Structures are given as structure tokens and as C-alpha cells.
PDB file of N, CA and C in Angstrom:
ATOM      1  N   MET A   1     177.058 113.795 102.834  1.00  0.00           N
ATOM      2  CA  MET A   1     176.262 113.263 104.080  1.00  0.00           C
ATOM      3  C   MET A   1     177.104 113.171 105.599  1.00  0.00           C
ATOM      4  N   ALA A   2     176.269 113.381 106.659  1.00  0.00           N
ATOM      5  CA  ALA A   2     176.700 113.196 108.215  1.00  0.00           C
ATOM      6  C   ALA A   2     177.277 111.714 108.830  1.00  0.00           C
ATOM      7  N   PRO A   3     177.831 112.052 108.719  1.00  0.00           N
ATOM      8  CA  PRO A   3     178.927 110.907 109.823  1.00  0.00           C
ATOM      9  C   PRO A   3     178.142 109.509 110.236  1.00  0.00           C
ATOM     10  N   ASN A   4     176.464 110.087 110.993  1.00  0.00           N
ATOM     11  CA  ASN A   4     175.636 108.973 111.492  1.00  0.00           C
ATOM     12  C   ASN A   4     174.795 109.231 110.664  1.00  0.00           C
ATOM     13  N   ALA A   5     175.136 108.801 109.242  1.00  0.00           N
ATOM     14  CA  ALA A   5     173.722 108.981 108.445  1.00  0.00           C
ATOM     15  C   ALA A   5     174.339 107.530 107.557  1.00  0.00           C
ATOM     16  N   VAL A   6     172.706 106.701 107.122  1.00  0.00           N
ATOM     17  CA  VAL A   6     173.431 105.577 106.431  1.00  0.00           C
ATOM     18  C   VAL A   6     172.080 105.857 105.204  1.00  0.00           C
ATOM     19  N   SER A   7     172.294 105.376 104.099  1.00  0.00           N
ATOM     20  CA  SER A   7     171.072 105.556 102.791  1.00  0.00           C
ATOM     21  C   SER A   7     170.606 104.016 103.363  1.00  0.00           C
ATOM     22  N   VAL A   8     169.295 104.409 102.701  1.00  0.00           N
ATOM     23  CA  VAL A   8     168.199 103.373 103.323  1.00  0.00           C
ATOM     24  C   VAL A   8     168.657 101.885 102.647  1.00  0.00           C
ATOM     25  N   SER A   9     169.386 101.804 101.961  1.00  0.00           N
ATOM     26  CA  SER A   9     169.749 100.713 100.699  1.00  0.00           C
ATOM     27  C   SER A   9     170.919 100.553 101.386  1.00  0.00           C
ATOM     28  N   GLU A  10     171.497 100.971 101.693  1.00  0.00           N
ATOM     29  CA  GLU A  10     173.140 100.232 102.458  1.00  0.00           C
ATOM     30  C   GLU A  10     172.787  99.702 104.180  1.00  0.00           C
ATOM     31  N   PHE A  11     171.233 100.579 104.746  1.00  0.00           N
ATOM     32  CA  PHE A  11     170.750 100.509 106.108  1.00  0.00           C
ATOM     33  C   PHE A  11     169.910  98.572 105.385  1.00  0.00           C
ATOM     34  N   LYS A  12     169.587  98.931 104.460  1.00  0.00           N
ATOM     35  CA  LYS A  12     168.773  97.135 104.121  1.00  0.00           C
ATOM     36  C   LYS A  12     169.872  96.440 104.372  1.00  0.00           C
ATOM     37  N   LEU A  13     171.089  96.225 103.502  1.00  0.00           N
ATOM     38  CA  LEU A  13     172.298  95.465 103.543  1.00  0.00           C
ATOM     39  C   LEU A  13     173.029  95.168 104.631  1.00  0.00           C
ATOM     40  N   HIS A  14     173.298  95.967 105.715  1.00  0.00           N
ATOM     41  CA  HIS A  14     173.836  95.913 107.105  1.00  0.00           C
ATOM     42  C   HIS A  14     172.679  96.460 108.279  1.00  0.00           C
ATOM     43  N   CYS A  15     171.596  96.684 108.015  1.00  0.00           N
ATOM     44  CA  CYS A  15     171.062  96.593 109.241  1.00  0.00           C
ATOM     45  C   CYS A  15     171.803  96.510 110.770  1.00  0.00           C
ATOM     46  N   LEU A  16     171.398  94.950 110.914  1.00  0.00           N
ATOM     47  CA  LEU A  16     172.221  94.516 112.344  1.00  0.00           C
ATOM     48  C   LEU A  16     173.613  95.467 112.871  1.00  0.00           C
ATOM     49  N   ASP A  17     174.430  95.263 111.606  1.00  0.00           N
ATOM     50  CA  ASP A  17     175.604  95.917 112.306  1.00  0.00           C
ATOM     51  C   ASP A  17     175.137  97.857 112.710  1.00  0.00           C
ATOM     52  N   VAL A  18     174.338  99.046 111.719  1.00  0.00           N
ATOM     53  CA  VAL A  18     173.722  99.714 111.749  1.00  0.00           C
ATOM     54  C   VAL A  18     173.222  99.353 113.295  1.00  0.00           C
ATOM     55  N   ILE A  19     172.370  98.814 113.837  1.00  0.00           N
ATOM     56  CA  ILE A  19     171.110  98.513 115.268  1.00  0.00           C
ATOM     57  C   ILE A  19     172.671  98.094 116.310  1.00  0.00           C
ATOM     58  N   ARG A  20     173.460  97.258 116.913  1.00  0.00           N
ATOM     59  CA  ARG A  20     174.229  97.284 116.662  1.00  0.00           C
ATOM     60  C   ARG A  20     175.453  98.654 117.649  1.00  0.00           C
ATOM     61  N   ARG A  21     175.624  99.623 116.088  1.00  0.00           N
ATOM     62  CA  ARG A  21     176.457 100.753 116.215  1.00  0.00           C
ATOM     63  C   ARG A  21     175.765 101.267 117.032  1.00  0.00           C
ATOM     64  N   VAL A  22     174.097 101.650 117.084  1.00  0.00           N
ATOM     65  CA  VAL A  22     173.511 102.328 117.846  1.00  0.00           C
ATOM     66  C   VAL A  22     173.201 102.271 118.855  1.00  0.00           C
ATOM     67  N   GLU A  23     173.396 100.737 119.298  1.00  0.00           N
ATOM     68  CA  GLU A  23     173.185 100.031 120.969  1.00  0.00           C
ATOM     69  C   GLU A  23     174.285 100.795 121.860  1.00  0.00           C
ATOM     70  N   GLN A  24     175.996 100.327 120.762  1.00  0.00           N
ATOM     71  CA  GLN A  24     176.816 100.504 121.629  1.00  0.00           C
ATOM     72  C   GLN A  24     177.478 101.867 122.026  1.00  0.00           C
ATOM     73  N   ASP A  25     176.780 102.676 120.459  1.00  0.00           N
ATOM     74  CA  ASP A  25     177.372 104.453 120.297  1.00  0.00           C
ATOM     75  C   ASP A  25     176.543 105.130 121.354  1.00  0.00           C
ATOM     76  N   GLY A  26     175.389 104.754 121.268  1.00  0.00           N
ATOM     77  CA  GLY A  26     174.262 104.974 121.834  1.00  0.00           C
ATOM     78  C   GLY A  26     173.274 106.524 121.398  1.00  0.00           C
ATOM     79  N   ALA A  27     174.813 106.739 120.203  1.00  0.00           N
ATOM     80  CA  ALA A  27     173.999 107.712 118.974  1.00  0.00           C
ATOM     81  C   ALA A  27     173.265 107.295 117.837  1.00  0.00           C
ATOM     82  N   ALA A  28     172.358 108.565 117.489  1.00  0.00           N
ATOM     83  CA  ALA A  28     171.333 108.075 116.806  1.00  0.00           C
ATOM     84  C   ALA A  28     171.673 108.132 115.320  1.00  0.00           C
ATOM     85  N   VAL A  29     171.119 107.507 114.628  1.00  0.00           N
ATOM     86  CA  VAL A  29     171.946 107.369 112.471  1.00  0.00           C
ATOM     87  C   VAL A  29     170.338 107.511 112.283  1.00  0.00           C
ATOM     88  N   ASP A  30     171.015 107.745 110.868  1.00  0.00           N
ATOM     89  CA  ASP A  30     169.676 109.094 110.543  1.00  0.00           C
ATOM     90  C   ASP A  30     169.532 108.489 108.960  1.00  0.00           C
ATOM     91  N   LEU A  31     168.468 107.973 108.928  1.00  0.00           N
ATOM     92  CA  LEU A  31     168.301 107.152 107.549  1.00  0.00           C
ATOM     93  C   LEU A  31     168.154 107.687 106.521  1.00  0.00           C
ATOM     94  N   THR A  32     168.562 107.492 105.047  1.00  0.00           N
ATOM     95  CA  THR A  32     168.396 108.780 103.912  1.00  0.00           C
ATOM     96  C   THR A  32     168.022 107.998 102.879  1.00  0.00           C
ATOM     97  N   ARG A  33     167.365 109.006 101.709  1.00  0.00           N
ATOM     98  CA  ARG A  33     166.804 108.597 100.599  1.00  0.00           C
ATOM     99  C   ARG A  33     167.631 109.601  99.806  1.00  0.00           C
ATOM    100  N   ARG A  34     168.388 109.412  98.843  1.00  0.00           N
ATOM    101  CA  ARG A  34     168.741 110.562  97.778  1.00  0.00           C
ATOM    102  C   ARG A  34     169.488 111.580  98.764  1.00  0.00           C
ATOM    103  N   GLY A  35     170.115 111.482  99.289  1.00  0.00           N
ATOM    104  CA  GLY A  35     170.494 112.377 100.837  1.00  0.00           C
ATOM    105  C   GLY A  35     169.940 113.004 101.371  1.00  0.00           C
ATOM    106  N   LYS A  36     167.961 112.647 101.154  1.00  0.00           N
ATOM    107  CA  LYS A  36     167.210 113.609 102.513  1.00  0.00           C
ATOM    108  C   LYS A  36     167.211 112.224 103.731  1.00  0.00           C
ATOM    109  N   VAL A  37     167.015 113.389 104.593  1.00  0.00           N
ATOM    110  CA  VAL A  37     166.530 112.512 106.197  1.00  0.00           C
ATOM    111  C   VAL A  37     165.195 111.852 105.875  1.00  0.00           C
ATOM    112  N   VAL A  38     164.610 110.778 106.287  1.00  0.00           N
ATOM    113  CA  VAL A  38     163.325 110.012 106.144  1.00  0.00           C
ATOM    114  C   VAL A  38     163.308 109.009 107.009  1.00  0.00           C
ATOM    115  N   ALA A  39     164.399 109.077 107.953  1.00  0.00           N
ATOM    116  CA  ALA A  39     163.856 108.334 109.391  1.00  0.00           C
ATOM    117  C   ALA A  39     165.175 108.113 110.057  1.00  0.00           C
ATOM    118  N   ARG A  40     165.107 107.981 111.413  1.00  0.00           N
ATOM    119  CA  ARG A  40     166.077 108.488 112.676  1.00  0.00           C
ATOM    120  C   ARG A  40     165.797 106.738 113.702  1.00  0.00           C
ATOM    121  N   LEU A  41     167.336 106.544 114.008  1.00  0.00           N
ATOM    122  CA  LEU A  41     167.413 105.297 114.773  1.00  0.00           C
ATOM    123  C   LEU A  41     167.917 105.233 115.869  1.00  0.00           C
ATOM    124  N   VAL A  42     167.049 105.825 117.072  1.00  0.00           N
ATOM    125  CA  VAL A  42     167.744 106.378 118.714  1.00  0.00           C
ATOM    126  C   VAL A  42     167.960 104.631 119.232  1.00  0.00           C
ATOM    127  N   PRO A  43     168.172 105.216 120.232  1.00  0.00           N
ATOM    128  CA  PRO A  43     168.800 104.389 121.148  1.00  0.00           C
ATOM    129  C   PRO A  43     167.659 104.211 121.712  1.00  0.00           C
ATOM    130  N   THR A  44     166.975 103.786 122.940  1.00  0.00           N
ATOM    131  CA  THR A  44     165.855 103.811 124.029  1.00  0.00           C
ATOM    132  C   THR A  44     166.549 104.131 124.882  1.00  0.00           C
ATOM    133  N   THR A  45     166.012 104.648 125.751  1.00  0.00           N
ATOM    134  CA  THR A  45     166.620 104.441 127.203  1.00  0.00           C
ATOM    135  C   THR A  45     166.186 103.318 128.286  1.00  0.00           C
ATOM    136  N   ALA A  46     167.074 103.392 129.154  1.00  0.00           N
ATOM    137  CA  ALA A  46     166.673 101.871 129.315  1.00  0.00           C
ATOM    138  C   ALA A  46     165.319 102.291 130.588  1.00  0.00           C
ATOM    139  N   ALA A  47     164.528 101.561 131.335  1.00  0.00           N
ATOM    140  CA  ALA A  47     163.577 101.500 132.422  1.00  0.00           C
ATOM    141  C   ALA A  47     164.431 101.081 133.481  1.00  0.00           C
ATOM    142  N   PRO A  48     163.809 101.942 134.825  1.00  0.00           N
ATOM    143  CA  PRO A  48     164.952 101.975 135.653  1.00  0.00           C
ATOM    144  C   PRO A  48     164.673 100.810 136.471  1.00  0.00           C
ATOM    145  N   GLN A  49     166.091 100.138 136.315  1.00  0.00           N
ATOM    146  CA  GLN A  49     165.865  98.486 137.431  1.00  0.00           C
ATOM    147  C   GLN A  49     164.705  99.131 139.060  1.00  0.00           C
ATOM    148  N   GLY A  50     164.104  97.565 139.132  1.00  0.00           N
ATOM    149  CA  GLY A  50     163.347  97.365 140.333  1.00  0.00           C
ATOM    150  C   GLY A  50     162.173  98.015 140.397  1.00  0.00           C
ATOM    151  N   THR A  51     162.166  99.271 139.301  1.00  0.00           N
ATOM    152  CA  THR A  51     160.616 100.353 139.254  1.00  0.00           C
ATOM    153  C   THR A  51     159.694  99.335 138.457  1.00  0.00           C
ATOM    154  N   PRO A  52     157.862  98.576 139.017  1.00  0.00           N
ATOM    155  CA  PRO A  52     157.842  98.074 138.364  1.00  0.00           C
ATOM    156  C   PRO A  52     156.524  99.023 137.193  1.00  0.00           C
ATOM    157  N   THR A  53     156.611  98.629 136.252  1.00  0.00           N
ATOM    158  CA  THR A  53     155.671  98.718 135.461  1.00  0.00           C
ATOM    159  C   THR A  53     154.906  99.868 136.135  1.00  0.00           C
ATOM    160  N   TRP A  54     154.119  99.221 137.130  1.00  0.00           N
ATOM    161  CA  TRP A  54     152.732 100.201 136.702  1.00  0.00           C
ATOM    162  C   TRP A  54     152.956 101.953 137.854  1.00  0.00           C
ATOM    163  N   LEU A  55     154.059 101.515 138.263  1.00  0.00           N
ATOM    164  CA  LEU A  55     154.380 102.978 139.004  1.00  0.00           C
ATOM    165  C   LEU A  55     155.639 103.237 137.655  1.00  0.00           C
ATOM    166  N   ARG A  56     156.534 103.369 137.171  1.00  0.00           N
ATOM    167  CA  ARG A  56     156.292 104.472 136.035  1.00  0.00           C
ATOM    168  C   ARG A  56     155.740 105.082 135.456  1.00  0.00           C
ATOM    169  N   LEU A  57     154.320 104.147 134.902  1.00  0.00           N
ATOM    170  CA  LEU A  57     153.251 104.382 134.485  1.00  0.00           C
ATOM    171  C   LEU A  57     151.796 105.004 134.650  1.00  0.00           C
ATOM    172  N   ARG A  58     152.033 105.658 135.938  1.00  0.00           N
ATOM    173  CA  ARG A  58     151.777 106.309 137.086  1.00  0.00           C
ATOM    174  C   ARG A  58     151.435 107.582 136.610  1.00  0.00           C
ATOM    175  N   GLY A  59     150.040 108.104 136.300  1.00  0.00           N
ATOM    176  CA  GLY A  59     150.062 109.779 136.424  1.00  0.00           C
ATOM    177  C   GLY A  59     150.116 109.563 134.085  1.00  0.00           C
ATOM    178  N   HIS A  60     149.975 108.717 133.801  1.00  0.00           N
ATOM    179  CA  HIS A  60     149.831 108.567 131.972  1.00  0.00           C
ATOM    180  C   HIS A  60     148.936 108.263 131.512  1.00  0.00           C
ATOM    181  N   GLY A  61     147.635 107.883 132.078  1.00  0.00           N
ATOM    182  CA  GLY A  61     146.929 107.745 131.488  1.00  0.00           C
ATOM    183  C   GLY A  61     145.883 108.191 132.448  1.00  0.00           C
ATOM    184  N   ARG A  62     144.816 107.200 131.813  1.00  0.00           N
ATOM    185  CA  ARG A  62     143.032 107.729 132.502  1.00  0.00           C
ATOM    186  C   ARG A  62     142.651 106.438 132.870  1.00  0.00           C
ATOM    187  N   LEU A  63     141.506 106.407 133.686  1.00  0.00           N
ATOM    188  CA  LEU A  63     140.725 105.022 133.819  1.00  0.00           C
ATOM    189  C   LEU A  63     139.187 105.623 133.965  1.00  0.00           C
ATOM    190  N   ARG A  64     138.713 105.220 132.780  1.00  0.00           N
ATOM    191  CA  ARG A  64     137.152 105.981 132.340  1.00  0.00           C
ATOM    192  C   ARG A  64     136.559 104.607 133.196  1.00  0.00           C
ATOM    193  N   ALA A  65     135.863 105.046 133.856  1.00  0.00           N
ATOM    194  CA  ALA A  65     135.235 104.401 134.904  1.00  0.00           C
ATOM    195  C   ALA A  65     133.766 105.322 135.424  1.00  0.00           C
ATOM    196  N   GLN A  66     133.136 104.578 135.336  1.00  0.00           N
ATOM    197  CA  GLN A  66     131.632 105.843 136.244  1.00  0.00           C
ATOM    198  C   GLN A  66     131.830 105.305 137.529  1.00  0.00           C
ATOM    199  N   PRO A  67     131.437 106.628 138.529  1.00  0.00           N
ATOM    200  CA  PRO A  67     131.645 106.462 140.055  1.00  0.00           C
ATOM    201  C   PRO A  67     131.206 105.316 140.491  1.00  0.00           C
ATOM    202  N   GLU A  68     130.062 104.328 139.922  1.00  0.00           N
ATOM    203  CA  GLU A  68     129.056 103.555 140.216  1.00  0.00           C
ATOM    204  C   GLU A  68     129.753 102.443 139.883  1.00  0.00           C
ATOM    205  N   GLU A  69     130.796 102.400 138.648  1.00  0.00           N
ATOM    206  CA  GLU A  69     131.544 101.330 138.647  1.00  0.00           C
ATOM    207  C   GLU A  69     132.648 101.106 139.661  1.00  0.00           C
ATOM    208  N   GLY A  70     133.321  99.525 140.051  1.00  0.00           N
ATOM    209  CA  GLY A  70     134.238  99.122 140.528  1.00  0.00           C
ATOM    210  C   GLY A  70     135.077  98.709 139.562  1.00  0.00           C
ATOM    211  N   VAL A  71     136.388  99.014 139.756  1.00  0.00           N
ATOM    212  CA  VAL A  71     137.494  99.088 138.828  1.00  0.00           C
ATOM    213  C   VAL A  71     138.196  97.685 139.533  1.00  0.00           C
ATOM    214  N   LEU A  72     137.690  97.180 140.424  1.00  0.00           N
ATOM    215  CA  LEU A  72     138.749  96.011 140.888  1.00  0.00           C
ATOM    216  C   LEU A  72     137.448  94.424 141.830  1.00  0.00           C
ATOM    217  N   ASP A  73     137.876  93.323 141.153  1.00  0.00           N
ATOM    218  CA  ASP A  73     136.790  92.850 141.672  1.00  0.00           C
ATOM    219  C   ASP A  73     136.890  92.406 143.092  1.00  0.00           C
ATOM    220  N   ALA A  74     135.714  92.213 144.070  1.00  0.00           N
ATOM    221  CA  ALA A  74     136.014  91.594 145.382  1.00  0.00           C
ATOM    222  C   ALA A  74     137.695  90.204 145.767  1.00  0.00           C
ATOM    223  N   ASN A  75     137.108  89.381 144.096  1.00  0.00           N
ATOM    224  CA  ASN A  75     138.527  88.627 144.528  1.00  0.00           C
ATOM    225  C   ASN A  75     139.811  89.203 144.051  1.00  0.00           C
ATOM    226  N   ASP A  76     139.739  90.524 143.739  1.00  0.00           N
ATOM    227  CA  ASP A  76     141.014  90.754 143.485  1.00  0.00           C
ATOM    228  C   ASP A  76     141.887  91.416 144.140  1.00  0.00           C
ATOM    229  N   PHE A  77     141.089  91.653 145.555  1.00  0.00           N
ATOM    230  CA  PHE A  77     142.020  92.382 146.627  1.00  0.00           C
ATOM    231  C   PHE A  77     142.207  91.024 147.870  1.00  0.00           C
ATOM    232  N   ASP A  78     142.945  91.373 148.655  1.00  0.00           N
ATOM    233  CA  ASP A  78     143.493  90.382 149.129  1.00  0.00           C
ATOM    234  C   ASP A  78     143.516  91.504 150.566  1.00  0.00           C
ATOM    235  N   ALA A  79     142.492  92.144 151.196  1.00  0.00           N
ATOM    236  CA  ALA A  79     142.514  92.198 152.901  1.00  0.00           C
ATOM    237  C   ALA A  79     143.276  92.335 153.348  1.00  0.00           C
ATOM    238  N   THR A  80     143.666  91.444 153.363  1.00  0.00           N
ATOM    239  CA  THR A  80     144.299  90.875 154.837  1.00  0.00           C
ATOM    240  C   THR A  80     145.607  91.197 154.808  1.00  0.00           C
ATOM    241  N   HIS A  81     146.592  91.674 153.776  1.00  0.00           N
ATOM    242  CA  HIS A  81     147.715  91.969 153.285  1.00  0.00           C
ATOM    243  C   HIS A  81     147.904  93.696 152.804  1.00  0.00           C
ATOM    244  N   GLY A  82     146.626  93.718 152.290  1.00  0.00           N
ATOM    245  CA  GLY A  82     146.379  95.329 151.740  1.00  0.00           C
ATOM    246  C   GLY A  82     146.591  95.489 150.696  1.00  0.00           C
ATOM    247  N   ARG A  83     147.247  94.472 149.340  1.00  0.00           N
ATOM    248  CA  ARG A  83     147.221  94.172 148.641  1.00  0.00           C
ATOM    249  C   ARG A  83     146.329  94.079 146.878  1.00  0.00           C
ATOM    250  N   VAL A  84     146.755  94.128 146.197  1.00  0.00           N
ATOM    251  CA  VAL A  84     145.695  93.285 144.727  1.00  0.00           C
ATOM    252  C   VAL A  84     146.945  91.994 144.210  1.00  0.00           C
ATOM    253  N   ALA A  85     145.956  91.462 144.037  1.00  0.00           N
ATOM    254  CA  ALA A  85     146.056  89.915 144.013  1.00  0.00           C
ATOM    255  C   ALA A  85     147.185  89.462 142.711  1.00  0.00           C
TER     256      ALA A  85
END
């Protein structure tokens, strides 16, 4: 078994320790059943500090609205400050 591999039964017994190891080491851990990899536990990448969620997600989705449909309600926009409320 690879050094970063844990059997499913072992993971079940020590899941918090395995998760802590992934957090601290930043290395993935393969979960195996009968020697075959069935899942992989990987660390997440931290979101950049100070970057608003909407800005990180910009360009990753689609807004489905008809041209005549307004996306914002008049009450949602503060025209004096030029920003969405």
C-alpha cells in the first residue's frame, strides 16, 4: 500500500486523525478497499483573503434572463453611491 493510503476500515476508526494529517501535510490520502483505491481525500485550496465571493465566481456561471427582464429591482440599487445594496 502507498505511504499516503489508508484502508476504508482504518479510515472509519481514525477519520479525524487522517483529516488532520491531510490539513497539516497538505498531501492527499487514498482510501482503499481490498488494496484498490476507491476514494481520495485531498486538501482544499484556500480562497484568496479579501476577495469577495462574487468576484471569485465572476465568469463561472450564466445568468438566464430575457433582455427585457431586469436582474435588479429598483430598490436594490443605491444610485447615489453607485453600488448594489
